[in-house]
């Protein structure tokens, strides 16, 4: 089957939360932590952060059930601006608090300050490589569980077709950043077609996605 992709406008943009986003972004605060993203809540183990992009955790007010995982934000503090990828949650963080990796914090503030005022907002990760689909361990025709990696913008939906795009079924994003069927079952097929919708209004169709456990599939394009 030839590789296909489609791009279309969505009717809504990704929202961070009620009345939080202004033209200049979200006003909040930032502190810092270590630089290991592998054990984070976004389940990005064995994924290499893009060159020039560090990581951050976000608090409950912006977590949105892992809805921002793998996407990037531009953060501006008293010293400067940096781009980071959301790799973890921060359950103890106050509203609009970022828990930046320490190398990112040094780009925007002096570490001796500990906690600083910042503004932040969604920004393209600027990747020129395609989306990556990763199957969770145990994925099969009886259990569907996949995540989307390497995205330029937040992923808002992952749909599955078993009839060559005639019909589509949405999946549910789990707190550990995998999309699964609502009843935790599979689609009864060894191969399906995926449609990934991104917050910038683009959709990417990925044909011939196999249900092999822990398999990675490269999409035709990025968002």
N, C-alpha and C. Protein backbone atom coordinates (compact mmCIF):
# COMPACT_ATOMS: atom_id res chain seq x y z
N UNK A 1 0.86 -1.20 0.00
CA UNK A 1 0.00 0.00 0.00
C UNK A 1 0.88 1.24 0.00
N UNK A 2 0.61 2.18 -0.83
CA UNK A 2 1.43 3.39 -0.89
C UNK A 2 1.27 4.20 0.38
N UNK A 3 2.32 4.89 0.73
CA UNK A 3 2.24 5.76 1.90
C UNK A 3 1.37 6.96 1.58
N UNK A 4 0.52 7.29 2.54
CA UNK A 4 -0.42 8.39 2.34
C UNK A 4 -0.32 9.36 3.49
N UNK A 5 -0.65 10.60 3.24
CA UNK A 5 -0.85 11.52 4.36
C UNK A 5 -1.85 12.57 3.92
N UNK A 6 -2.53 13.11 4.91
CA UNK A 6 -3.53 14.13 4.61
C UNK A 6 -3.40 15.25 5.62
N UNK A 7 -3.65 16.44 5.16
CA UNK A 7 -3.57 17.61 6.02
C UNK A 7 -4.89 18.35 5.93
N UNK A 8 -5.50 18.61 7.06
CA UNK A 8 -6.76 19.35 7.05
C UNK A 8 -6.84 20.23 8.28
N UNK A 9 -7.66 21.28 8.18
CA UNK A 9 -7.82 22.18 9.30
C UNK A 9 -8.80 21.60 10.30
N UNK A 10 -8.48 21.69 11.59
CA UNK A 10 -9.41 21.31 12.64
C UNK A 10 -10.16 22.55 13.09
N UNK A 11 -11.27 22.36 13.75
CA UNK A 11 -12.10 23.50 14.12
C UNK A 11 -11.69 24.14 15.43
N UNK A 12 -10.88 23.46 16.22
CA UNK A 12 -10.47 24.02 17.50
C UNK A 12 -8.98 23.88 17.67
N UNK A 13 -8.40 24.74 18.50
CA UNK A 13 -7.00 24.67 18.86
C UNK A 13 -6.88 24.09 20.25
N UNK A 14 -5.71 23.58 20.56
CA UNK A 14 -5.46 23.02 21.88
C UNK A 14 -5.55 24.10 22.93
N UNK A 15 -6.30 23.86 24.00
CA UNK A 15 -6.44 24.84 25.08
C UNK A 15 -5.66 24.37 26.30
N UNK A 16 -4.97 25.28 26.94
CA UNK A 16 -4.25 24.92 28.17
C UNK A 16 -5.21 24.87 29.34
N UNK A 17 -6.26 25.62 29.28
CA UNK A 17 -7.20 25.65 30.40
C UNK A 17 -7.98 26.95 30.32
N UNK A 18 -9.05 27.07 31.10
CA UNK A 18 -9.91 28.24 31.03
C UNK A 18 -9.15 29.53 31.34
N UNK A 19 -9.21 30.48 30.42
CA UNK A 19 -8.70 31.83 30.61
C UNK A 19 -7.23 31.88 30.97
N UNK A 20 -6.45 30.87 30.61
CA UNK A 20 -5.05 30.87 30.98
C UNK A 20 -4.15 31.46 29.90
N UNK A 21 -4.55 31.37 28.65
CA UNK A 21 -3.66 31.73 27.56
C UNK A 21 -3.94 33.14 27.07
N UNK A 22 -2.93 33.98 27.10
CA UNK A 22 -3.01 35.31 26.52
C UNK A 22 -2.06 35.35 25.34
N UNK A 23 -2.03 36.49 24.65
CA UNK A 23 -1.18 36.59 23.48
C UNK A 23 0.29 36.36 23.83
N UNK A 24 0.68 36.74 25.06
CA UNK A 24 2.06 36.60 25.48
C UNK A 24 2.33 35.25 26.14
N UNK A 25 1.34 34.36 26.18
CA UNK A 25 1.52 33.06 26.80
C UNK A 25 1.00 33.02 28.22
N UNK A 26 1.34 31.95 28.89
CA UNK A 26 0.87 31.73 30.26
C UNK A 26 1.88 32.32 31.23
N UNK A 27 1.40 33.02 32.23
CA UNK A 27 2.25 33.52 33.30
C UNK A 27 2.33 32.47 34.40
N UNK A 28 3.54 32.15 34.80
CA UNK A 28 3.70 31.14 35.84
C UNK A 28 5.04 31.28 36.52
N UNK A 29 5.50 30.18 37.08
CA UNK A 29 6.80 30.14 37.74
C UNK A 29 7.55 28.89 37.32
N UNK A 30 8.84 28.88 37.54
CA UNK A 30 9.66 27.73 37.19
C UNK A 30 10.70 27.47 38.26
N UNK A 31 10.96 26.19 38.49
CA UNK A 31 12.07 25.74 39.30
C UNK A 31 12.83 24.71 38.48
N UNK A 32 13.70 23.90 39.11
CA UNK A 32 14.49 22.98 38.29
C UNK A 32 14.74 21.66 39.01
N UNK A 33 15.09 20.65 38.20
CA UNK A 33 15.34 19.30 38.67
C UNK A 33 16.46 18.70 37.83
N UNK A 34 16.68 17.38 37.94
CA UNK A 34 17.71 16.71 37.17
C UNK A 34 17.35 16.60 35.70
N UNK A 35 18.24 15.98 34.92
CA UNK A 35 18.09 15.98 33.46
C UNK A 35 17.71 14.63 32.87
N UNK A 36 17.15 13.72 33.63
CA UNK A 36 16.81 12.40 33.11
C UNK A 36 15.34 12.33 32.75
N UNK A 37 15.04 12.16 31.44
CA UNK A 37 13.64 12.11 31.01
C UNK A 37 13.11 10.68 30.90
N UNK A 38 13.97 9.69 31.01
CA UNK A 38 13.57 8.30 30.75
C UNK A 38 12.52 7.77 31.73
N UNK A 39 12.56 8.23 32.96
CA UNK A 39 11.60 7.73 33.94
C UNK A 39 10.39 8.61 34.13
N UNK A 40 10.20 9.58 33.26
CA UNK A 40 9.09 10.51 33.41
C UNK A 40 7.73 9.91 33.09
N UNK A 41 6.68 10.60 33.50
CA UNK A 41 5.31 10.13 33.31
C UNK A 41 4.91 10.02 31.85
N UNK A 42 5.62 10.69 30.95
CA UNK A 42 5.29 10.65 29.53
C UNK A 42 5.81 9.39 28.84
N UNK A 43 6.51 8.53 29.57
CA UNK A 43 6.98 7.24 29.04
C UNK A 43 7.85 7.42 27.79
N UNK A 44 8.78 8.35 27.85
CA UNK A 44 9.66 8.61 26.71
C UNK A 44 10.99 7.87 26.83
N UNK A 45 10.99 6.73 27.48
CA UNK A 45 12.22 5.95 27.59
C UNK A 45 12.68 5.51 26.20
N UNK A 46 13.98 5.49 26.01
CA UNK A 46 14.60 5.12 24.74
C UNK A 46 14.30 6.11 23.62
N UNK A 47 13.83 7.30 23.98
CA UNK A 47 13.67 8.38 23.01
C UNK A 47 14.72 9.44 23.32
N UNK A 48 15.47 9.87 22.32
CA UNK A 48 16.50 10.88 22.51
C UNK A 48 15.93 12.28 22.28
N UNK A 49 16.07 13.15 23.26
CA UNK A 49 15.58 14.51 23.08
C UNK A 49 16.30 15.17 21.90
N UNK A 50 15.58 15.94 21.10
CA UNK A 50 16.20 16.59 19.94
C UNK A 50 17.33 17.53 20.37
N UNK A 51 18.29 17.70 19.50
CA UNK A 51 19.42 18.59 19.77
C UNK A 51 18.93 20.00 20.07
N UNK A 52 19.44 20.59 21.13
CA UNK A 52 19.09 21.95 21.49
C UNK A 52 17.80 22.10 22.26
N UNK A 53 17.13 20.98 22.57
CA UNK A 53 15.88 21.03 23.31
C UNK A 53 16.03 20.23 24.60
N UNK A 54 15.82 20.88 25.73
CA UNK A 54 15.89 20.21 27.02
C UNK A 54 14.48 19.75 27.43
N UNK A 55 14.31 19.39 28.69
CA UNK A 55 13.04 18.83 29.14
C UNK A 55 12.43 19.58 30.31
N UNK A 56 11.16 19.30 30.57
CA UNK A 56 10.47 19.89 31.71
C UNK A 56 9.33 19.00 32.17
N UNK A 57 9.00 19.11 33.43
CA UNK A 57 7.75 18.57 33.96
C UNK A 57 6.75 19.70 34.10
N UNK A 58 5.45 19.37 34.06
CA UNK A 58 4.41 20.39 34.24
C UNK A 58 3.45 19.94 35.32
N UNK A 59 2.86 20.92 35.98
CA UNK A 59 1.97 20.65 37.09
C UNK A 59 0.57 20.23 36.68
N UNK A 60 -0.27 19.87 37.66
CA UNK A 60 -1.63 19.37 37.38
C UNK A 60 -2.50 20.33 36.58
N UNK A 61 -2.31 21.63 36.74
CA UNK A 61 -3.18 22.59 36.04
C UNK A 61 -2.99 22.56 34.53
N UNK A 62 -1.85 22.02 34.07
CA UNK A 62 -1.58 21.96 32.64
C UNK A 62 -1.32 20.54 32.13
N UNK A 63 -1.46 19.55 32.97
CA UNK A 63 -1.12 18.17 32.60
C UNK A 63 -2.07 17.60 31.57
N UNK A 64 -3.38 17.82 31.77
CA UNK A 64 -4.41 17.41 30.80
C UNK A 64 -4.30 15.94 30.42
N UNK A 65 -4.15 15.07 31.42
CA UNK A 65 -4.03 13.62 31.21
C UNK A 65 -3.00 13.30 30.12
N UNK A 66 -1.80 13.82 30.31
CA UNK A 66 -0.67 13.57 29.41
C UNK A 66 -0.86 14.23 28.05
N UNK A 67 -1.81 15.13 27.92
CA UNK A 67 -2.13 15.72 26.62
C UNK A 67 -1.05 16.58 26.00
N UNK A 68 -0.07 17.02 26.80
CA UNK A 68 1.02 17.84 26.27
C UNK A 68 2.31 17.05 26.11
N UNK A 69 2.31 15.78 26.49
CA UNK A 69 3.53 14.98 26.45
C UNK A 69 4.18 14.99 25.07
N UNK A 70 5.49 15.20 25.06
CA UNK A 70 6.24 15.16 23.82
C UNK A 70 6.19 16.43 23.00
N UNK A 71 5.37 17.40 23.40
CA UNK A 71 5.32 18.67 22.68
C UNK A 71 6.26 19.67 23.34
N UNK A 72 6.49 20.78 22.67
CA UNK A 72 7.47 21.76 23.14
C UNK A 72 6.80 23.06 23.58
N UNK A 73 7.44 23.73 24.52
CA UNK A 73 7.01 25.06 24.94
C UNK A 73 8.23 25.98 24.94
N UNK A 74 7.96 27.24 24.65
CA UNK A 74 8.98 28.28 24.74
C UNK A 74 8.82 28.95 26.09
N UNK A 75 9.91 29.01 26.87
CA UNK A 75 9.87 29.55 28.22
C UNK A 75 10.76 30.78 28.30
N UNK A 76 10.22 31.87 28.85
CA UNK A 76 10.98 33.10 29.00
C UNK A 76 11.05 33.47 30.46
N UNK A 77 12.28 33.68 30.95
CA UNK A 77 12.51 34.07 32.34
C UNK A 77 13.33 35.34 32.40
N UNK A 78 13.82 35.70 33.60
CA UNK A 78 14.55 36.96 33.76
C UNK A 78 15.87 37.02 32.99
N UNK A 79 16.45 35.87 32.66
CA UNK A 79 17.75 35.87 31.97
C UNK A 79 17.63 35.67 30.47
N UNK A 80 16.57 35.00 30.00
CA UNK A 80 16.46 34.71 28.57
C UNK A 80 15.33 33.75 28.27
N UNK A 81 15.43 33.12 27.09
CA UNK A 81 14.39 32.23 26.59
C UNK A 81 14.99 30.90 26.19
N UNK A 82 14.22 29.82 26.38
CA UNK A 82 14.67 28.50 25.96
C UNK A 82 13.47 27.67 25.54
N UNK A 83 13.73 26.63 24.75
CA UNK A 83 12.67 25.71 24.31
C UNK A 83 12.88 24.37 25.01
N UNK A 84 11.79 23.82 25.55
CA UNK A 84 11.86 22.55 26.26
C UNK A 84 10.73 21.64 25.80
N UNK A 85 10.95 20.34 25.95
CA UNK A 85 9.93 19.34 25.63
C UNK A 85 9.30 18.86 26.94
N UNK A 86 7.99 18.71 26.93
CA UNK A 86 7.29 18.21 28.12
C UNK A 86 7.48 16.70 28.21
N UNK A 87 8.15 16.26 29.27
CA UNK A 87 8.52 14.86 29.41
C UNK A 87 7.99 14.21 30.68
N UNK A 88 7.41 15.03 31.58
CA UNK A 88 7.03 14.48 32.89
C UNK A 88 5.92 15.33 33.49
N UNK A 89 5.23 14.74 34.46
CA UNK A 89 4.28 15.49 35.27
C UNK A 89 4.96 15.95 36.55
N UNK A 90 4.36 16.89 37.22
CA UNK A 90 4.86 17.37 38.51
C UNK A 90 3.67 17.50 39.44
N UNK A 91 3.24 16.40 40.06
CA UNK A 91 2.00 16.41 40.85
C UNK A 91 1.99 17.42 42.00
N UNK A 92 3.17 17.76 42.53
CA UNK A 92 3.23 18.69 43.67
C UNK A 92 3.37 20.14 43.24
N UNK A 93 3.46 20.39 41.94
CA UNK A 93 3.67 21.75 41.45
C UNK A 93 2.42 22.61 41.64
N UNK A 94 2.64 23.88 41.97
CA UNK A 94 1.54 24.83 42.06
C UNK A 94 1.03 25.15 40.66
N UNK A 95 -0.06 25.91 40.57
CA UNK A 95 -0.66 26.23 39.28
C UNK A 95 0.35 26.94 38.38
N UNK A 96 0.44 26.48 37.13
CA UNK A 96 1.32 27.05 36.12
C UNK A 96 2.80 27.02 36.51
N UNK A 97 3.17 26.01 37.27
CA UNK A 97 4.57 25.82 37.65
C UNK A 97 5.23 24.84 36.67
N UNK A 98 6.45 25.17 36.22
CA UNK A 98 7.28 24.29 35.42
C UNK A 98 8.42 23.76 36.27
N UNK A 99 8.74 22.50 36.07
CA UNK A 99 9.88 21.88 36.74
C UNK A 99 10.94 21.59 35.67
N UNK A 100 11.71 22.61 35.30
CA UNK A 100 12.65 22.53 34.20
C UNK A 100 13.85 21.67 34.54
N UNK A 101 14.42 21.04 33.52
CA UNK A 101 15.74 20.43 33.69
C UNK A 101 16.72 21.56 34.03
N UNK A 102 17.74 21.24 34.83
CA UNK A 102 18.61 22.31 35.33
C UNK A 102 19.36 23.04 34.21
N UNK A 103 19.69 22.34 33.11
CA UNK A 103 20.39 23.03 32.03
C UNK A 103 19.48 24.05 31.35
N UNK A 104 18.17 23.75 31.27
CA UNK A 104 17.22 24.71 30.71
C UNK A 104 17.01 25.89 31.66
N UNK A 105 16.96 25.62 32.96
CA UNK A 105 16.76 26.70 33.93
C UNK A 105 17.90 27.72 33.84
N UNK A 106 19.12 27.23 33.63
CA UNK A 106 20.26 28.15 33.54
C UNK A 106 20.16 29.08 32.34
N UNK A 107 19.38 28.67 31.33
CA UNK A 107 19.20 29.52 30.16
C UNK A 107 18.27 30.69 30.44
N UNK A 108 17.40 30.54 31.44
CA UNK A 108 16.40 31.58 31.67
C UNK A 108 16.54 32.29 33.01
N UNK A 109 17.41 31.76 33.92
CA UNK A 109 17.54 32.36 35.24
C UNK A 109 18.80 31.86 35.93
N UNK A 110 19.13 32.49 37.03
CA UNK A 110 20.26 32.07 37.86
C UNK A 110 19.77 30.98 38.82
N UNK A 111 20.43 29.80 38.84
CA UNK A 111 19.98 28.72 39.72
C UNK A 111 19.89 29.10 41.19
N UNK A 112 20.66 30.08 41.63
CA UNK A 112 20.60 30.47 43.04
C UNK A 112 19.24 31.06 43.41
N UNK A 113 18.49 31.49 42.40
CA UNK A 113 17.16 32.06 42.68
C UNK A 113 16.13 30.99 43.02
N UNK A 114 16.37 29.76 42.60
CA UNK A 114 15.49 28.65 42.97
C UNK A 114 14.18 28.61 42.22
N UNK A 115 13.35 29.62 42.40
CA UNK A 115 12.06 29.73 41.72
C UNK A 115 11.94 31.13 41.13
N UNK A 116 11.56 31.21 39.86
CA UNK A 116 11.47 32.52 39.19
C UNK A 116 10.16 32.63 38.43
N UNK A 117 9.77 33.87 38.16
CA UNK A 117 8.60 34.12 37.33
C UNK A 117 8.96 33.89 35.86
N UNK A 118 8.02 33.27 35.12
CA UNK A 118 8.24 33.00 33.69
C UNK A 118 6.94 33.19 32.93
N UNK A 119 7.06 33.26 31.63
CA UNK A 119 5.91 33.09 30.73
C UNK A 119 6.26 31.93 29.80
N UNK A 120 5.23 31.19 29.39
CA UNK A 120 5.48 30.06 28.50
C UNK A 120 4.25 29.79 27.64
N UNK A 121 4.50 29.16 26.49
CA UNK A 121 3.41 28.82 25.58
C UNK A 121 3.89 27.74 24.62
N UNK A 122 2.94 27.05 24.02
CA UNK A 122 3.25 26.02 23.03
C UNK A 122 4.05 26.62 21.88
N UNK A 123 5.06 25.88 21.43
CA UNK A 123 5.87 26.27 20.28
C UNK A 123 6.21 25.03 19.49
N UNK A 124 6.37 25.17 18.20
CA UNK A 124 6.78 24.04 17.39
C UNK A 124 8.14 23.54 17.86
N UNK A 125 8.31 22.23 17.90
CA UNK A 125 9.62 21.68 18.23
C UNK A 125 10.62 21.90 17.10
N UNK A 126 10.13 22.22 15.90
CA UNK A 126 11.00 22.52 14.78
C UNK A 126 11.72 21.30 14.21
N UNK A 127 11.11 20.13 14.33
CA UNK A 127 11.75 18.90 13.87
C UNK A 127 11.52 18.70 12.38
N UNK A 128 12.56 18.29 11.67
CA UNK A 128 12.42 17.99 10.24
C UNK A 128 12.37 16.49 9.98
N UNK A 129 12.21 15.71 11.05
CA UNK A 129 12.06 14.26 10.94
C UNK A 129 10.60 13.88 11.22
N UNK A 130 10.13 12.72 10.73
CA UNK A 130 8.70 12.38 10.83
C UNK A 130 8.28 11.97 12.24
N UNK A 131 6.97 11.88 12.42
CA UNK A 131 6.41 11.28 13.63
C UNK A 131 6.85 9.83 13.74
N UNK A 132 6.91 9.36 14.97
CA UNK A 132 7.22 7.95 15.24
C UNK A 132 6.07 7.36 16.05
N UNK A 133 5.60 6.20 15.66
CA UNK A 133 4.59 5.45 16.40
C UNK A 133 5.28 4.31 17.14
N UNK A 134 5.04 4.22 18.44
CA UNK A 134 5.64 3.13 19.21
C UNK A 134 4.54 2.27 19.83
N UNK A 135 4.60 0.97 19.59
CA UNK A 135 3.66 0.03 20.19
C UNK A 135 4.13 -0.34 21.60
N UNK A 136 3.20 -0.33 22.52
CA UNK A 136 3.51 -0.74 23.89
C UNK A 136 3.77 -2.25 23.94
N UNK A 137 4.53 -2.69 24.91
CA UNK A 137 4.74 -4.11 25.09
C UNK A 137 3.39 -4.80 25.27
N UNK A 138 3.20 -5.90 24.57
CA UNK A 138 1.94 -6.63 24.64
C UNK A 138 0.93 -6.25 23.57
N UNK A 139 1.24 -5.24 22.76
CA UNK A 139 0.32 -4.84 21.69
C UNK A 139 0.11 -5.99 20.71
N UNK A 140 -1.14 -6.21 20.34
CA UNK A 140 -1.49 -7.30 19.42
C UNK A 140 -2.87 -7.02 18.84
N UNK A 141 -3.40 -7.96 18.09
CA UNK A 141 -4.77 -7.82 17.58
C UNK A 141 -5.79 -7.81 18.71
N UNK A 142 -5.36 -8.25 19.92
CA UNK A 142 -6.26 -8.32 21.06
C UNK A 142 -6.09 -7.17 22.05
N UNK A 143 -5.01 -6.38 21.90
CA UNK A 143 -4.74 -5.27 22.83
C UNK A 143 -4.04 -4.16 22.05
N UNK A 144 -4.71 -2.99 21.97
CA UNK A 144 -4.17 -1.84 21.24
C UNK A 144 -3.60 -0.83 22.22
N UNK A 145 -2.31 -0.50 22.08
CA UNK A 145 -1.69 0.52 22.92
C UNK A 145 -0.51 1.11 22.16
N UNK A 146 -0.62 2.39 21.76
CA UNK A 146 0.42 3.05 20.97
C UNK A 146 0.63 4.47 21.46
N UNK A 147 1.86 4.96 21.31
CA UNK A 147 2.14 6.36 21.59
C UNK A 147 2.74 7.01 20.34
N UNK A 148 2.63 8.33 20.30
CA UNK A 148 3.17 9.12 19.20
C UNK A 148 4.36 9.91 19.72
N UNK A 149 5.51 9.74 19.09
CA UNK A 149 6.74 10.42 19.49
C UNK A 149 7.20 11.37 18.40
N UNK A 150 8.11 12.27 18.80
CA UNK A 150 8.79 13.12 17.82
C UNK A 150 7.84 14.09 17.14
N UNK A 151 6.88 14.62 17.89
CA UNK A 151 5.86 15.49 17.30
C UNK A 151 6.27 16.96 17.39
N UNK A 152 5.95 17.72 16.37
CA UNK A 152 6.21 19.16 16.40
C UNK A 152 5.18 19.91 17.24
N UNK A 153 3.96 19.38 17.32
CA UNK A 153 2.89 20.02 18.08
C UNK A 153 2.16 18.94 18.90
N UNK A 154 1.42 19.34 19.94
CA UNK A 154 0.69 18.37 20.75
C UNK A 154 -0.25 17.50 19.91
N UNK A 155 -0.31 16.23 20.27
CA UNK A 155 -1.22 15.29 19.61
C UNK A 155 -2.57 15.36 20.32
N UNK A 156 -3.64 15.64 19.57
CA UNK A 156 -4.96 15.77 20.18
C UNK A 156 -5.84 14.55 19.94
N UNK A 157 -5.47 13.69 18.98
CA UNK A 157 -6.28 12.50 18.75
C UNK A 157 -5.49 11.48 17.94
N UNK A 158 -5.71 10.22 18.24
CA UNK A 158 -5.18 9.13 17.43
C UNK A 158 -6.35 8.21 17.11
N UNK A 159 -6.68 8.10 15.81
CA UNK A 159 -7.82 7.30 15.37
C UNK A 159 -7.32 6.07 14.60
N UNK A 160 -8.15 5.05 14.61
CA UNK A 160 -7.80 3.78 13.99
C UNK A 160 -8.86 3.40 12.97
N UNK A 161 -8.41 2.93 11.80
CA UNK A 161 -9.32 2.39 10.79
C UNK A 161 -8.91 0.96 10.47
N UNK A 162 -9.91 0.08 10.43
CA UNK A 162 -9.66 -1.31 10.04
C UNK A 162 -10.26 -1.62 8.67
N UNK A 163 -10.82 -0.59 8.01
CA UNK A 163 -11.47 -0.82 6.71
C UNK A 163 -10.97 0.16 5.65
N UNK A 164 -9.66 0.41 5.70
CA UNK A 164 -9.01 1.24 4.67
C UNK A 164 -9.60 2.65 4.61
N UNK A 165 -9.77 3.27 5.77
CA UNK A 165 -10.16 4.67 5.97
C UNK A 165 -11.64 4.96 5.70
N UNK A 166 -12.46 3.92 5.54
CA UNK A 166 -13.90 4.16 5.38
C UNK A 166 -14.52 4.66 6.68
N UNK A 167 -14.09 4.11 7.80
CA UNK A 167 -14.55 4.56 9.11
C UNK A 167 -13.35 4.67 10.03
N UNK A 168 -13.49 5.53 11.07
CA UNK A 168 -12.43 5.76 12.04
C UNK A 168 -12.97 5.68 13.46
N UNK A 169 -12.15 5.15 14.37
CA UNK A 169 -12.52 5.08 15.79
C UNK A 169 -11.45 5.77 16.61
N UNK A 170 -11.88 6.72 17.46
CA UNK A 170 -10.93 7.41 18.33
C UNK A 170 -10.45 6.49 19.45
N UNK A 171 -9.29 6.80 19.98
CA UNK A 171 -8.75 6.08 21.13
C UNK A 171 -8.63 7.06 22.29
N UNK A 172 -8.30 6.55 23.47
CA UNK A 172 -8.25 7.35 24.69
C UNK A 172 -6.79 7.44 25.16
N UNK A 173 -6.32 8.64 25.37
CA UNK A 173 -4.95 8.82 25.86
C UNK A 173 -4.89 8.54 27.35
N UNK A 174 -3.98 7.65 27.72
CA UNK A 174 -3.82 7.27 29.11
C UNK A 174 -2.82 8.20 29.81
N UNK A 175 -2.82 8.19 31.15
CA UNK A 175 -1.92 9.03 31.93
C UNK A 175 -0.45 8.71 31.65
N UNK A 176 -0.16 7.51 31.16
CA UNK A 176 1.21 7.14 30.85
C UNK A 176 1.54 7.38 29.37
N UNK A 177 0.71 8.17 28.69
CA UNK A 177 0.98 8.67 27.34
C UNK A 177 0.93 7.59 26.26
N UNK A 178 0.04 6.64 26.39
CA UNK A 178 -0.26 5.70 25.32
C UNK A 178 -1.75 5.82 25.00
N UNK A 179 -2.07 5.72 23.72
CA UNK A 179 -3.46 5.74 23.27
C UNK A 179 -3.99 4.31 23.22
N UNK A 180 -5.16 4.10 23.83
CA UNK A 180 -5.73 2.75 23.89
C UNK A 180 -7.22 2.80 23.59
N UNK A 181 -7.73 1.65 23.19
CA UNK A 181 -9.18 1.54 22.99
C UNK A 181 -9.86 1.67 24.34
N UNK A 182 -11.04 2.28 24.36
CA UNK A 182 -11.69 2.58 25.62
C UNK A 182 -11.93 1.33 26.47
N UNK A 183 -12.24 0.20 25.82
CA UNK A 183 -12.50 -1.02 26.57
C UNK A 183 -11.24 -1.87 26.77
N UNK A 184 -10.08 -1.29 26.44
CA UNK A 184 -8.77 -1.94 26.62
C UNK A 184 -8.59 -3.19 25.75
N UNK A 185 -9.38 -3.31 24.71
CA UNK A 185 -9.26 -4.46 23.81
C UNK A 185 -8.42 -4.08 22.60
N UNK A 186 -8.33 -4.98 21.65
CA UNK A 186 -7.68 -4.71 20.38
C UNK A 186 -8.70 -4.51 19.28
N UNK A 187 -8.22 -4.35 18.06
CA UNK A 187 -9.11 -4.14 16.92
C UNK A 187 -9.31 -5.39 16.08
N UNK A 188 -8.78 -6.52 16.55
CA UNK A 188 -8.98 -7.79 15.87
C UNK A 188 -8.26 -7.92 14.54
N UNK A 189 -7.27 -7.05 14.32
CA UNK A 189 -6.51 -7.06 13.08
C UNK A 189 -5.01 -7.08 13.40
N UNK A 190 -4.24 -7.66 12.50
CA UNK A 190 -2.79 -7.63 12.65
C UNK A 190 -2.18 -6.38 12.04
N UNK A 191 -2.99 -5.61 11.31
CA UNK A 191 -2.51 -4.39 10.66
C UNK A 191 -3.67 -3.40 10.56
N UNK A 192 -3.42 -2.13 10.90
CA UNK A 192 -4.46 -1.10 10.84
C UNK A 192 -3.90 0.15 10.19
N UNK A 193 -4.78 1.13 9.96
CA UNK A 193 -4.38 2.45 9.48
C UNK A 193 -4.62 3.44 10.62
N UNK A 194 -3.69 4.38 10.80
CA UNK A 194 -3.80 5.39 11.86
C UNK A 194 -4.01 6.77 11.26
N UNK A 195 -4.73 7.61 12.01
CA UNK A 195 -4.85 9.02 11.67
C UNK A 195 -4.52 9.83 12.92
N UNK A 196 -3.44 10.61 12.84
CA UNK A 196 -2.97 11.41 13.96
C UNK A 196 -3.36 12.87 13.72
N UNK A 197 -4.07 13.47 14.69
CA UNK A 197 -4.46 14.87 14.60
C UNK A 197 -3.63 15.69 15.58
N UNK A 198 -3.10 16.80 15.10
CA UNK A 198 -2.23 17.65 15.90
C UNK A 198 -2.91 18.98 16.21
N UNK A 199 -2.43 19.68 17.24
CA UNK A 199 -3.09 20.90 17.69
C UNK A 199 -2.96 22.05 16.71
N UNK A 200 -2.05 21.95 15.75
CA UNK A 200 -1.92 23.01 14.74
C UNK A 200 -2.88 22.81 13.57
N UNK A 201 -3.77 21.82 13.67
CA UNK A 201 -4.79 21.62 12.66
C UNK A 201 -4.44 20.62 11.58
N UNK A 202 -3.32 19.95 11.69
CA UNK A 202 -2.91 19.00 10.65
C UNK A 202 -3.20 17.57 11.07
N UNK A 203 -3.44 16.75 10.04
CA UNK A 203 -3.65 15.32 10.25
C UNK A 203 -2.65 14.54 9.41
N UNK A 204 -2.14 13.48 9.98
CA UNK A 204 -1.20 12.61 9.28
C UNK A 204 -1.77 11.20 9.26
N UNK A 205 -1.93 10.63 8.09
CA UNK A 205 -2.42 9.26 7.95
C UNK A 205 -1.23 8.32 7.78
N UNK A 206 -1.25 7.25 8.54
CA UNK A 206 -0.15 6.28 8.51
C UNK A 206 -0.73 4.92 8.17
N UNK A 207 -0.49 4.40 6.98
CA UNK A 207 -1.04 3.10 6.58
C UNK A 207 -0.19 1.95 7.07
N UNK A 208 -0.77 0.77 7.04
CA UNK A 208 -0.03 -0.49 7.25
C UNK A 208 0.75 -0.51 8.55
N UNK A 209 0.07 -0.18 9.66
CA UNK A 209 0.71 -0.20 10.98
C UNK A 209 0.44 -1.57 11.62
N UNK A 210 1.50 -2.32 11.85
CA UNK A 210 1.35 -3.66 12.41
C UNK A 210 1.20 -3.62 13.92
N UNK A 211 0.58 -4.67 14.46
CA UNK A 211 0.29 -4.76 15.88
C UNK A 211 1.37 -5.50 16.67
N UNK A 212 2.59 -5.51 16.19
CA UNK A 212 3.67 -6.23 16.86
C UNK A 212 4.08 -5.51 18.15
N UNK A 213 4.30 -6.27 19.20
CA UNK A 213 4.70 -5.73 20.49
C UNK A 213 6.01 -4.95 20.38
N UNK A 214 6.02 -3.74 20.93
CA UNK A 214 7.20 -2.86 21.03
C UNK A 214 7.77 -2.41 19.67
N UNK A 215 7.01 -2.56 18.62
CA UNK A 215 7.49 -2.15 17.29
C UNK A 215 7.39 -0.62 17.15
N UNK A 216 8.34 -0.03 16.42
CA UNK A 216 8.29 1.38 16.08
C UNK A 216 8.06 1.55 14.58
N UNK A 217 7.16 2.46 14.24
CA UNK A 217 6.79 2.72 12.84
C UNK A 217 7.05 4.19 12.54
N UNK A 218 7.68 4.48 11.44
CA UNK A 218 7.94 5.86 11.04
C UNK A 218 6.81 6.36 10.14
N UNK A 219 6.24 7.50 10.49
CA UNK A 219 5.15 8.08 9.70
C UNK A 219 5.71 8.74 8.44
N UNK A 220 4.84 9.09 7.49
CA UNK A 220 5.32 9.77 6.27
C UNK A 220 5.89 11.15 6.56
N UNK A 221 5.28 11.90 7.49
CA UNK A 221 5.67 13.28 7.75
C UNK A 221 5.47 13.61 9.23
N UNK A 222 5.78 14.82 9.61
CA UNK A 222 5.48 15.34 10.94
C UNK A 222 4.26 16.25 10.84
N UNK A 223 3.85 16.81 11.97
CA UNK A 223 2.71 17.71 11.97
C UNK A 223 3.09 19.04 11.30
